Amino acid sequence: MTALSIEHVFGAAVSLMISVLWYWVRGIDGRLHQAEAERNELQKSLYAVKLDYATKAEARADQKTIMDGLARLENKMDKMADKLDRKADKS
Protein backbone atom coordinates (compact mmCIF):
# COMPACT_ATOMS: atom_id res chain seq x y z
CA MET A 1 0.00 0.00 0.00
CA THR A 2 1.14 3.48 -0.70
CA ALA A 3 1.17 6.32 1.79
CA LEU A 4 -1.84 7.88 0.11
CA SER A 5 -4.00 4.79 0.45
CA ILE A 6 -3.00 4.40 4.14
CA GLU A 7 -4.07 8.00 4.68
CA HIS A 8 -7.38 7.27 3.02
CA VAL A 9 -7.97 4.19 5.18
CA PHE A 10 -6.98 6.10 8.32
CA GLY A 11 -9.25 9.01 7.35
CA ALA A 12 -12.15 6.63 6.71
CA ALA A 13 -11.58 4.92 10.07
CA VAL A 14 -11.47 8.28 11.87
CA SER A 15 -14.63 9.40 10.06
CA LEU A 16 -16.38 6.17 11.04
CA MET A 17 -15.35 6.59 14.69
CA ILE A 18 -16.53 10.21 14.69
CA SER A 19 -19.90 9.23 13.19
CA VAL A 20 -20.34 6.48 15.81
CA LEU A 21 -19.41 8.96 18.55
CA TRP A 22 -21.95 11.51 17.26
CA TYR A 23 -24.63 8.80 17.03
CA TRP A 24 -23.94 7.91 20.68
CA VAL A 25 -23.99 11.58 21.79
CA ARG A 26 -27.27 12.12 19.92
CA GLY A 27 -28.80 9.12 21.69
CA ILE A 28 -27.72 10.48 25.08
CA ASP A 29 -29.12 13.90 24.16
CA GLY A 30 -32.48 12.36 23.26
CA ARG A 31 -32.65 10.47 26.54
CA LEU A 32 -31.70 13.65 28.40
CA HIS A 33 -34.54 15.58 26.78
CA GLN A 34 -36.95 12.73 27.59
CA ALA A 35 -35.77 12.69 31.22
CA GLU A 36 -36.24 16.47 31.46
CA ALA A 37 -39.78 16.18 30.08
CA GLU A 38 -40.59 13.43 32.58
CA ARG A 39 -39.10 15.50 35.40
CA ASN A 40 -41.20 18.52 34.42
CA GLU A 41 -44.34 16.36 34.32
CA LEU A 42 -43.49 14.91 37.73
CA GLN A 43 -42.90 18.42 39.10
CA LYS A 44 -46.34 19.51 37.87
CA SER A 45 -47.89 16.42 39.43
CA LEU A 46 -46.18 17.07 42.77
CA TYR A 47 -47.31 20.69 42.69
CA ALA A 48 -50.90 19.56 42.13
CA VAL A 49 -50.62 17.20 45.10
CA LYS A 50 -49.20 20.03 47.18
CA LEU A 51 -52.19 22.21 46.31
CA ASP A 52 -54.66 19.45 47.24
CA TYR A 53 -52.85 18.37 50.40
CA ALA A 54 -54.51 19.28 53.68
CA THR A 55 -52.25 20.59 56.41
CA LYS A 56 -52.38 19.20 59.93
CA ALA A 57 -54.24 22.28 61.12
CA GLU A 58 -56.86 21.88 58.40
CA ALA A 59 -57.23 18.16 59.14
CA ARG A 60 -57.63 18.86 62.86
CA ALA A 61 -60.23 21.54 62.15
CA ASP A 62 -62.15 19.15 59.92
CA GLN A 63 -61.92 16.42 62.54
CA LYS A 64 -63.18 18.83 65.23
CA THR A 65 -66.12 19.85 63.04
CA ILE A 66 -67.04 16.21 62.44
CA MET A 67 -66.70 15.31 66.10
CA ASP A 68 -68.85 18.29 67.11
CA GLY A 69 -71.51 17.20 64.63
CA LEU A 70 -71.42 13.65 65.98
CA ALA A 71 -71.72 14.94 69.55
CA ARG A 72 -74.80 17.00 68.59
CA LEU A 73 -76.28 13.95 66.89
CA GLU A 74 -75.63 11.85 69.98
CA ASN A 75 -77.32 14.46 72.20
CA LYS A 76 -80.36 14.52 69.92
CA MET A 77 -80.55 10.74 69.96
CA ASP A 78 -80.35 10.76 73.78
CA LYS A 79 -83.19 13.29 73.94
CA MET A 80 -85.29 11.14 71.60
CA ALA A 81 -84.58 8.07 73.71
CA ASP A 82 -85.63 9.96 76.85
CA LYS A 83 -88.87 11.07 75.16
CA LEU A 84 -89.59 7.50 74.08
CA ASP A 85 -88.91 6.26 77.61
CA ARG A 86 -91.33 8.86 79.06
CA LYS A 87 -93.98 7.87 76.54
CA ALA A 88 -93.44 4.21 77.35
CA ASP A 89 -93.74 4.96 81.07
CA LYS A 90 -97.03 6.82 80.51
CA SER A 91 -98.56 3.91 78.65
PDB file of N, CA and C in Angstrom:
ATOM      1  N   MET A   1       0.847  -1.177   0.000  1.00  0.00           N
ATOM      2  CA  MET A   1       0.000   0.000   0.000  1.00  0.00           C
ATOM      3  C   MET A   1       0.885   1.230   0.000  1.00  0.00           C
ATOM      4  N   THR A   2       0.391   2.228  -0.652  1.00  0.00           N
ATOM      5  CA  THR A   2       1.143   3.477  -0.702  1.00  0.00           C
ATOM      6  C   THR A   2       0.724   4.351   0.464  1.00  0.00           C
ATOM      7  N   ALA A   3       1.447   5.412   0.679  1.00  0.00           N
ATOM      8  CA  ALA A   3       1.170   6.321   1.790  1.00  0.00           C
ATOM      9  C   ALA A   3      -0.186   6.988   1.605  1.00  0.00           C
ATOM     10  N   LEU A   4      -0.559   7.233   0.379  1.00  0.00           N
ATOM     11  CA  LEU A   4      -1.841   7.883   0.114  1.00  0.00           C
ATOM     12  C   LEU A   4      -3.007   6.961   0.459  1.00  0.00           C
ATOM     13  N   SER A   5      -2.905   5.696   0.152  1.00  0.00           N
ATOM     14  CA  SER A   5      -3.997   4.794   0.450  1.00  0.00           C
ATOM     15  C   SER A   5      -4.092   4.542   1.966  1.00  0.00           C
ATOM     16  N   ILE A   6      -2.979   4.539   2.681  1.00  0.00           N
ATOM     17  CA  ILE A   6      -3.004   4.401   4.139  1.00  0.00           C
ATOM     18  C   ILE A   6      -3.680   5.623   4.752  1.00  0.00           C
ATOM     19  N   GLU A   7      -3.414   6.783   4.203  1.00  0.00           N
ATOM     20  CA  GLU A   7      -4.065   8.004   4.684  1.00  0.00           C
ATOM     21  C   GLU A   7      -5.566   7.936   4.449  1.00  0.00           C
ATOM     22  N   HIS A   8      -5.963   7.406   3.303  1.00  0.00           N
ATOM     23  CA  HIS A   8      -7.382   7.266   3.016  1.00  0.00           C
ATOM     24  C   HIS A   8      -8.056   6.304   3.994  1.00  0.00           C
ATOM     25  N   VAL A   9      -7.417   5.175   4.254  1.00  0.00           N
ATOM     26  CA  VAL A   9      -7.967   4.186   5.181  1.00  0.00           C
ATOM     27  C   VAL A   9      -8.047   4.786   6.581  1.00  0.00           C
ATOM     28  N   PHE A  10      -6.990   5.471   7.008  1.00  0.00           N
ATOM     29  CA  PHE A  10      -6.976   6.100   8.324  1.00  0.00           C
ATOM     30  C   PHE A  10      -8.060   7.176   8.415  1.00  0.00           C
ATOM     31  N   GLY A  11      -8.212   7.976   7.381  1.00  0.00           N
ATOM     32  CA  GLY A  11      -9.252   9.006   7.355  1.00  0.00           C
ATOM     33  C   GLY A  11     -10.642   8.397   7.412  1.00  0.00           C
ATOM     34  N   ALA A  12     -10.845   7.310   6.701  1.00  0.00           N
ATOM     35  CA  ALA A  12     -12.146   6.631   6.712  1.00  0.00           C
ATOM     36  C   ALA A  12     -12.428   6.053   8.103  1.00  0.00           C
ATOM     37  N   ALA A  13     -11.399   5.488   8.728  1.00  0.00           N
ATOM     38  CA  ALA A  13     -11.582   4.921  10.066  1.00  0.00           C
ATOM     39  C   ALA A  13     -11.907   6.026  11.073  1.00  0.00           C
ATOM     40  N   VAL A  14     -11.205   7.144  10.973  1.00  0.00           N
ATOM     41  CA  VAL A  14     -11.474   8.278  11.872  1.00  0.00           C
ATOM     42  C   VAL A  14     -12.881   8.816  11.624  1.00  0.00           C
ATOM     43  N   SER A  15     -13.290   8.931  10.391  1.00  0.00           N
ATOM     44  CA  SER A  15     -14.633   9.404  10.061  1.00  0.00           C
ATOM     45  C   SER A  15     -15.692   8.457  10.617  1.00  0.00           C
ATOM     46  N   LEU A  16     -15.452   7.155  10.505  1.00  0.00           N
ATOM     47  CA  LEU A  16     -16.381   6.170  11.045  1.00  0.00           C
ATOM     48  C   LEU A  16     -16.479   6.284  12.560  1.00  0.00           C
ATOM     49  N   MET A  17     -15.336   6.448  13.228  1.00  0.00           N
ATOM     50  CA  MET A  17     -15.352   6.587  14.688  1.00  0.00           C
ATOM     51  C   MET A  17     -16.073   7.869  15.109  1.00  0.00           C
ATOM     52  N   ILE A  18     -15.858   8.944  14.362  1.00  0.00           N
ATOM     53  CA  ILE A  18     -16.530  10.208  14.686  1.00  0.00           C
ATOM     54  C   ILE A  18     -18.038  10.067  14.490  1.00  0.00           C
ATOM     55  N   SER A  19     -18.455   9.396  13.419  1.00  0.00           N
ATOM     56  CA  SER A  19     -19.898   9.228  13.191  1.00  0.00           C
ATOM     57  C   SER A  19     -20.522   8.353  14.278  1.00  0.00           C
ATOM     58  N   VAL A  20     -19.834   7.310  14.729  1.00  0.00           N
ATOM     59  CA  VAL A  20     -20.337   6.476  15.814  1.00  0.00           C
ATOM     60  C   VAL A  20     -20.419   7.288  17.098  1.00  0.00           C
ATOM     61  N   LEU A  21     -19.415   8.104  17.362  1.00  0.00           N
ATOM     62  CA  LEU A  21     -19.412   8.961  18.547  1.00  0.00           C
ATOM     63  C   LEU A  21     -20.592   9.942  18.512  1.00  0.00           C
ATOM     64  N   TRP A  22     -20.831  10.581  17.368  1.00  0.00           N
ATOM     65  CA  TRP A  22     -21.951  11.513  17.256  1.00  0.00           C
ATOM     66  C   TRP A  22     -23.296  10.806  17.402  1.00  0.00           C
ATOM     67  N   TYR A  23     -23.399   9.574  16.877  1.00  0.00           N
ATOM     68  CA  TYR A  23     -24.632   8.798  17.031  1.00  0.00           C
ATOM     69  C   TYR A  23     -24.883   8.524  18.517  1.00  0.00           C
ATOM     70  N   TRP A  24     -23.832   8.173  19.247  1.00  0.00           N
ATOM     71  CA  TRP A  24     -23.935   7.907  20.680  1.00  0.00           C
ATOM     72  C   TRP A  24     -24.322   9.176  21.443  1.00  0.00           C
ATOM     73  N   VAL A  25     -23.686  10.298  21.116  1.00  0.00           N
ATOM     74  CA  VAL A  25     -23.989  11.585  21.786  1.00  0.00           C
ATOM     75  C   VAL A  25     -25.437  11.980  21.498  1.00  0.00           C
ATOM     76  N   ARG A  26     -25.889  11.781  20.269  1.00  0.00           N
ATOM     77  CA  ARG A  26     -27.267  12.123  19.920  1.00  0.00           C
ATOM     78  C   ARG A  26     -28.264  11.264  20.699  1.00  0.00           C
ATOM     79  N   GLY A  27     -27.947   9.996  20.898  1.00  0.00           N
ATOM     80  CA  GLY A  27     -28.799   9.116  21.693  1.00  0.00           C
ATOM     81  C   GLY A  27     -28.870   9.578  23.140  1.00  0.00           C
ATOM     82  N   ILE A  28     -27.743   9.964  23.705  1.00  0.00           N
ATOM     83  CA  ILE A  28     -27.720  10.477  25.079  1.00  0.00           C
ATOM     84  C   ILE A  28     -28.511  11.774  25.168  1.00  0.00           C
ATOM     85  N   ASP A  29     -28.379  12.627  24.167  1.00  0.00           N
ATOM     86  CA  ASP A  29     -29.116  13.899  24.161  1.00  0.00           C
ATOM     87  C   ASP A  29     -30.621  13.653  24.122  1.00  0.00           C
ATOM     88  N   GLY A  30     -31.052  12.694  23.328  1.00  0.00           N
ATOM     89  CA  GLY A  30     -32.482  12.363  23.258  1.00  0.00           C
ATOM     90  C   GLY A  30     -33.004  11.855  24.591  1.00  0.00           C
ATOM     91  N   ARG A  31     -32.232  10.978  25.232  1.00  0.00           N
ATOM     92  CA  ARG A  31     -32.653  10.466  26.540  1.00  0.00           C
ATOM     93  C   ARG A  31     -32.654  11.575  27.575  1.00  0.00           C
ATOM     94  N   LEU A  32     -31.737  12.519  27.472  1.00  0.00           N
ATOM     95  CA  LEU A  32     -31.699  13.648  28.401  1.00  0.00           C
ATOM     96  C   LEU A  32     -32.944  14.517  28.238  1.00  0.00           C
ATOM     97  N   HIS A  33     -33.332  14.790  27.008  1.00  0.00           N
ATOM     98  CA  HIS A  33     -34.543  15.581  26.782  1.00  0.00           C
ATOM     99  C   HIS A  33     -35.783  14.840  27.295  1.00  0.00           C
ATOM    100  N   GLN A  34     -35.821  13.529  27.096  1.00  0.00           N
ATOM    101  CA  GLN A  34     -36.948  12.731  27.587  1.00  0.00           C
ATOM    102  C   GLN A  34     -36.982  12.764  29.115  1.00  0.00           C
ATOM    103  N   ALA A  35     -35.827  12.655  29.758  1.00  0.00           N
ATOM    104  CA  ALA A  35     -35.772  12.692  31.218  1.00  0.00           C
ATOM    105  C   ALA A  35     -36.204  14.066  31.741  1.00  0.00           C
ATOM    106  N   GLU A  36     -35.823  15.122  31.047  1.00  0.00           N
ATOM    107  CA  GLU A  36     -36.243  16.472  31.456  1.00  0.00           C
ATOM    108  C   GLU A  36     -37.758  16.629  31.330  1.00  0.00           C
ATOM    109  N   ALA A  37     -38.328  16.099  30.251  1.00  0.00           N
ATOM    110  CA  ALA A  37     -39.778  16.182  30.076  1.00  0.00           C
ATOM    111  C   ALA A  37     -40.493  15.404  31.175  1.00  0.00           C
ATOM    112  N   GLU A  38     -39.993  14.215  31.499  1.00  0.00           N
ATOM    113  CA  GLU A  38     -40.592  13.429  32.577  1.00  0.00           C
ATOM    114  C   GLU A  38     -40.456  14.137  33.920  1.00  0.00           C
ATOM    115  N   ARG A  39     -39.319  14.766  34.143  1.00  0.00           N
ATOM    116  CA  ARG A  39     -39.095  15.501  35.395  1.00  0.00           C
ATOM    117  C   ARG A  39     -40.058  16.674  35.502  1.00  0.00           C
ATOM    118  N   ASN A  40     -40.261  17.393  34.409  1.00  0.00           N
ATOM    119  CA  ASN A  40     -41.197  18.516  34.419  1.00  0.00           C
ATOM    120  C   ASN A  40     -42.628  18.039  34.685  1.00  0.00           C
ATOM    121  N   GLU A  41     -42.998  16.916  34.086  1.00  0.00           N
ATOM    122  CA  GLU A  41     -44.341  16.361  34.320  1.00  0.00           C
ATOM    123  C   GLU A  41     -44.492  15.940  35.778  1.00  0.00           C
ATOM    124  N   LEU A  42     -43.461  15.327  36.328  1.00  0.00           N
ATOM    125  CA  LEU A  42     -43.493  14.913  37.728  1.00  0.00           C
ATOM    126  C   LEU A  42     -43.573  16.130  38.646  1.00  0.00           C
ATOM    127  N   GLN A  43     -42.857  17.187  38.297  1.00  0.00           N
ATOM    128  CA  GLN A  43     -42.900  18.415  39.096  1.00  0.00           C
ATOM    129  C   GLN A  43     -44.312  19.003  39.101  1.00  0.00           C
ATOM    130  N   LYS A  44     -44.965  19.010  37.946  1.00  0.00           N
ATOM    131  CA  LYS A  44     -46.340  19.507  37.873  1.00  0.00           C
ATOM    132  C   LYS A  44     -47.263  18.650  38.714  1.00  0.00           C
ATOM    133  N   SER A  45     -47.063  17.338  38.652  1.00  0.00           N
ATOM    134  CA  SER A  45     -47.889  16.422  39.433  1.00  0.00           C
ATOM    135  C   SER A  45     -47.689  16.643  40.925  1.00  0.00           C
ATOM    136  N   LEU A  46     -46.455  16.814  41.349  1.00  0.00           N
ATOM    137  CA  LEU A  46     -46.181  17.070  42.769  1.00  0.00           C
ATOM    138  C   LEU A  46     -46.771  18.398  43.213  1.00  0.00           C
ATOM    139  N   TYR A  47     -46.729  19.395  42.346  1.00  0.00           N
ATOM    140  CA  TYR A  47     -47.314  20.693  42.686  1.00  0.00           C
ATOM    141  C   TYR A  47     -48.825  20.568  42.861  1.00  0.00           C
ATOM    142  N   ALA A  48     -49.457  19.764  42.006  1.00  0.00           N
ATOM    143  CA  ALA A  48     -50.899  19.556  42.126  1.00  0.00           C
ATOM    144  C   ALA A  48     -51.234  18.850  43.437  1.00  0.00           C
ATOM    145  N   VAL A  49     -50.404  17.882  43.825  1.00  0.00           N
ATOM    146  CA  VAL A  49     -50.618  17.199  45.104  1.00  0.00           C
ATOM    147  C   VAL A  49     -50.448  18.185  46.249  1.00  0.00           C
ATOM    148  N   LYS A  50     -49.450  19.039  46.138  1.00  0.00           N
ATOM    149  CA  LYS A  50     -49.196  20.029  47.184  1.00  0.00           C
ATOM    150  C   LYS A  50     -50.396  20.958  47.341  1.00  0.00           C
ATOM    151  N   LEU A  51     -51.026  21.326  46.233  1.00  0.00           N
ATOM    152  CA  LEU A  51     -52.193  22.207  46.312  1.00  0.00           C
ATOM    153  C   LEU A  51     -53.378  21.508  46.953  1.00  0.00           C
ATOM    154  N   ASP A  52     -53.525  20.203  46.711  1.00  0.00           N
ATOM    155  CA  ASP A  52     -54.664  19.451  47.236  1.00  0.00           C
ATOM    156  C   ASP A  52     -54.427  18.918  48.644  1.00  0.00           C
ATOM    157  N   TYR A  53     -53.200  18.949  49.112  1.00  0.00           N
ATOM    158  CA  TYR A  53     -52.850  18.369  50.401  1.00  0.00           C
ATOM    159  C   TYR A  53     -53.391  19.222  51.541  1.00  0.00           C
ATOM    160  N   ALA A  54     -53.991  18.569  52.513  1.00  0.00           N
ATOM    161  CA  ALA A  54     -54.511  19.284  53.684  1.00  0.00           C
ATOM    162  C   ALA A  54     -53.421  19.315  54.754  1.00  0.00           C
ATOM    163  N   THR A  55     -53.231  20.476  55.348  1.00  0.00           N
ATOM    164  CA  THR A  55     -52.246  20.588  56.412  1.00  0.00           C
ATOM    165  C   THR A  55     -52.801  19.948  57.679  1.00  0.00           C
ATOM    166  N   LYS A  56     -51.939  19.789  58.667  1.00  0.00           N
ATOM    167  CA  LYS A  56     -52.381  19.202  59.932  1.00  0.00           C
ATOM    168  C   LYS A  56     -53.454  20.066  60.579  1.00  0.00           C
ATOM    169  N   ALA A  57     -53.263  21.370  60.509  1.00  0.00           N
ATOM    170  CA  ALA A  57     -54.242  22.280  61.121  1.00  0.00           C
ATOM    171  C   ALA A  57     -55.605  22.135  60.441  1.00  0.00           C
ATOM    172  N   GLU A  58     -55.601  22.049  59.119  1.00  0.00           N
ATOM    173  CA  GLU A  58     -56.863  21.876  58.396  1.00  0.00           C
ATOM    174  C   GLU A  58     -57.503  20.538  58.737  1.00  0.00           C
ATOM    175  N   ALA A  59     -56.698  19.484  58.816  1.00  0.00           N
ATOM    176  CA  ALA A  59     -57.230  18.160  59.142  1.00  0.00           C
ATOM    177  C   ALA A  59     -57.806  18.147  60.555  1.00  0.00           C
ATOM    178  N   ARG A  60     -57.122  18.801  61.480  1.00  0.00           N
ATOM    179  CA  ARG A  60     -57.633  18.856  62.857  1.00  0.00           C
ATOM    180  C   ARG A  60     -58.934  19.654  62.922  1.00  0.00           C
ATOM    181  N   ALA A  61     -59.003  20.744  62.167  1.00  0.00           N
ATOM    182  CA  ALA A  61     -60.231  21.544  62.153  1.00  0.00           C
ATOM    183  C   ALA A  61     -61.387  20.730  61.578  1.00  0.00           C
ATOM    184  N   ASP A  62     -61.113  20.004  60.506  1.00  0.00           N
ATOM    185  CA  ASP A  62     -62.153  19.146  59.921  1.00  0.00           C
ATOM    186  C   ASP A  62     -62.581  18.062  60.901  1.00  0.00           C
ATOM    187  N   GLN A  63     -61.613  17.469  61.575  1.00  0.00           N
ATOM    188  CA  GLN A  63     -61.923  16.422  62.544  1.00  0.00           C
ATOM    189  C   GLN A  63     -62.769  16.997  63.682  1.00  0.00           C
ATOM    190  N   LYS A  64     -62.420  18.198  64.141  1.00  0.00           N
ATOM    191  CA  LYS A  64     -63.182  18.829  65.226  1.00  0.00           C
ATOM    192  C   LYS A  64     -64.620  19.103  64.782  1.00  0.00           C
ATOM    193  N   THR A  65     -64.787  19.577  63.562  1.00  0.00           N
ATOM    194  CA  THR A  65     -66.125  19.846  63.036  1.00  0.00           C
ATOM    195  C   THR A  65     -66.948  18.557  62.987  1.00  0.00           C
ATOM    196  N   ILE A  66     -66.340  17.492  62.520  1.00  0.00           N
ATOM    197  CA  ILE A  66     -67.042  16.212  62.438  1.00  0.00           C
ATOM    198  C   ILE A  66     -67.387  15.699  63.830  1.00  0.00           C
ATOM    199  N   MET A  67     -66.441  15.784  64.737  1.00  0.00           N
ATOM    200  CA  MET A  67     -66.697  15.308  66.102  1.00  0.00           C
ATOM    201  C   MET A  67     -67.787  16.133  66.783  1.00  0.00           C
ATOM    202  N   ASP A  68     -67.788  17.444  66.550  1.00  0.00           N
ATOM    203  CA  ASP A  68     -68.851  18.294  67.108  1.00  0.00           C
ATOM    204  C   ASP A  68     -70.214  17.888  66.549  1.00  0.00           C
ATOM    205  N   GLY A  69     -70.266  17.636  65.262  1.00  0.00           N
ATOM    206  CA  GLY A  69     -71.512  17.201  64.632  1.00  0.00           C
ATOM    207  C   GLY A  69     -71.982  15.872  65.191  1.00  0.00           C
ATOM    208  N   LEU A  70     -71.061  14.945  65.402  1.00  0.00           N
ATOM    209  CA  LEU A  70     -71.425  13.649  65.981  1.00  0.00           C
ATOM    210  C   LEU A  70     -71.906  13.802  67.421  1.00  0.00           C
ATOM    211  N   ALA A  71     -71.287  14.713  68.164  1.00  0.00           N
ATOM    212  CA  ALA A  71     -71.720  14.945  69.550  1.00  0.00           C
ATOM    213  C   ALA A  71     -73.141  15.509  69.574  1.00  0.00           C
ATOM    214  N   ARG A  72     -73.433  16.450  68.669  1.00  0.00           N
ATOM    215  CA  ARG A  72     -74.799  16.996  68.590  1.00  0.00           C
ATOM    216  C   ARG A  72     -75.792  15.901  68.222  1.00  0.00           C
ATOM    217  N   LEU A  73     -75.410  15.049  67.290  1.00  0.00           N
ATOM    218  CA  LEU A  73     -76.279  13.950  66.886  1.00  0.00           C
ATOM    219  C   LEU A  73     -76.520  12.987  68.054  1.00  0.00           C
ATOM    220  N   GLU A  74     -75.488  12.719  68.818  1.00  0.00           N
ATOM    221  CA  GLU A  74     -75.627  11.849  69.978  1.00  0.00           C
ATOM    222  C   GLU A  74     -76.569  12.474  71.013  1.00  0.00           C
ATOM    223  N   ASN A  75     -76.434  13.769  71.258  1.00  0.00           N
ATOM    224  CA  ASN A  75     -77.316  14.461  72.201  1.00  0.00           C
ATOM    225  C   ASN A  75     -78.769  14.384  71.735  1.00  0.00           C
ATOM    226  N   LYS A  76     -78.994  14.592  70.449  1.00  0.00           N
ATOM    227  CA  LYS A  76     -80.360  14.519  69.925  1.00  0.00           C
ATOM    228  C   LYS A  76     -80.923  13.113  70.068  1.00  0.00           C
ATOM    229  N   MET A  77     -80.086  12.116  69.821  1.00  0.00           N
ATOM    230  CA  MET A  77     -80.550  10.737  69.964  1.00  0.00           C
ATOM    231  C   MET A  77     -80.868  10.429  71.430  1.00  0.00           C
ATOM    232  N   ASP A  78     -80.063  10.953  72.351  1.00  0.00           N
ATOM    233  CA  ASP A  78     -80.346  10.762  73.785  1.00  0.00           C
ATOM    234  C   ASP A  78     -81.674  11.405  74.158  1.00  0.00           C
ATOM    235  N   LYS A  79     -81.924  12.615  73.655  1.00  0.00           N
ATOM    236  CA  LYS A  79     -83.191  13.291  73.940  1.00  0.00           C
ATOM    237  C   LYS A  79     -84.370  12.486  73.398  1.00  0.00           C
ATOM    238  N   MET A  80     -84.213  11.944  72.174  1.00  0.00           N
ATOM    239  CA  MET A  80     -85.291  11.141  71.596  1.00  0.00           C
ATOM    240  C   MET A  80     -85.513   9.875  72.418  1.00  0.00           C
ATOM    241  N   ALA A  81     -84.440   9.270  72.897  1.00  0.00           N
ATOM    242  CA  ALA A  81     -84.576   8.066  73.708  1.00  0.00           C
ATOM    243  C   ALA A  81     -85.285   8.389  75.017  1.00  0.00           C
ATOM    244  N   ASP A  82     -84.960   9.545  75.615  1.00  0.00           N
ATOM    245  CA  ASP A  82     -85.632   9.961  76.848  1.00  0.00           C
ATOM    246  C   ASP A  82     -87.127  10.182  76.602  1.00  0.00           C
ATOM    247  N   LYS A  83     -87.460  10.842  75.493  1.00  0.00           N
ATOM    248  CA  LYS A  83     -88.869  11.069  75.159  1.00  0.00           C
ATOM    249  C   LYS A  83     -89.597   9.745  74.975  1.00  0.00           C
ATOM    250  N   LEU A  84     -88.966   8.799  74.287  1.00  0.00           N
ATOM    251  CA  LEU A  84     -89.587   7.498  74.078  1.00  0.00           C
ATOM    252  C   LEU A  84     -89.773   6.764  75.408  1.00  0.00           C
ATOM    253  N   ASP A  85     -88.784   6.889  76.293  1.00  0.00           N
ATOM    254  CA  ASP A  85     -88.908   6.261  77.609  1.00  0.00           C
ATOM    255  C   ASP A  85     -90.067   6.864  78.392  1.00  0.00           C
ATOM    256  N   ARG A  86     -90.222   8.192  78.348  1.00  0.00           N
ATOM    257  CA  ARG A  86     -91.328   8.859  79.058  1.00  0.00           C
ATOM    258  C   ARG A  86     -92.662   8.416  78.476  1.00  0.00           C
ATOM    259  N   LYS A  87     -92.740   8.319  77.157  1.00  0.00           N
ATOM    260  CA  LYS A  87     -93.977   7.869  76.539  1.00  0.00           C
ATOM    261  C   LYS A  87     -94.296   6.430  76.922  1.00  0.00           C
ATOM    262  N   ALA A  88     -93.253   5.603  76.982  1.00  0.00           N
ATOM    263  CA  ALA A  88     -93.442   4.208  77.346  1.00  0.00           C
ATOM    264  C   ALA A  88     -93.882   4.095  78.803  1.00  0.00           C
ATOM    265  N   ASP A  89     -93.346   4.969  79.654  1.00  0.00           N
ATOM    266  CA  ASP A  89     -93.738   4.959  81.069  1.00  0.00           C
ATOM    267  C   ASP A  89     -95.187   5.399  81.243  1.00  0.00           C
ATOM    268  N   LYS A  90     -95.660   6.342  80.424  1.00  0.00           N
ATOM    269  CA  LYS A  90     -97.034   6.817  80.509  1.00  0.00           C
ATOM    270  C   LYS A  90     -98.022   5.739  80.078  1.00  0.00           C
ATOM    271  N   SER A  91     -97.618   4.928  79.173  1.00  0.00           N
ATOM    272  CA  SER A  91     -98.557   3.914  78.652  1.00  0.00           C
ATOM    273  C   SER A  91     -98.790   2.788  79.609  1.00  0.00           C
TER     274      SER A  91
END
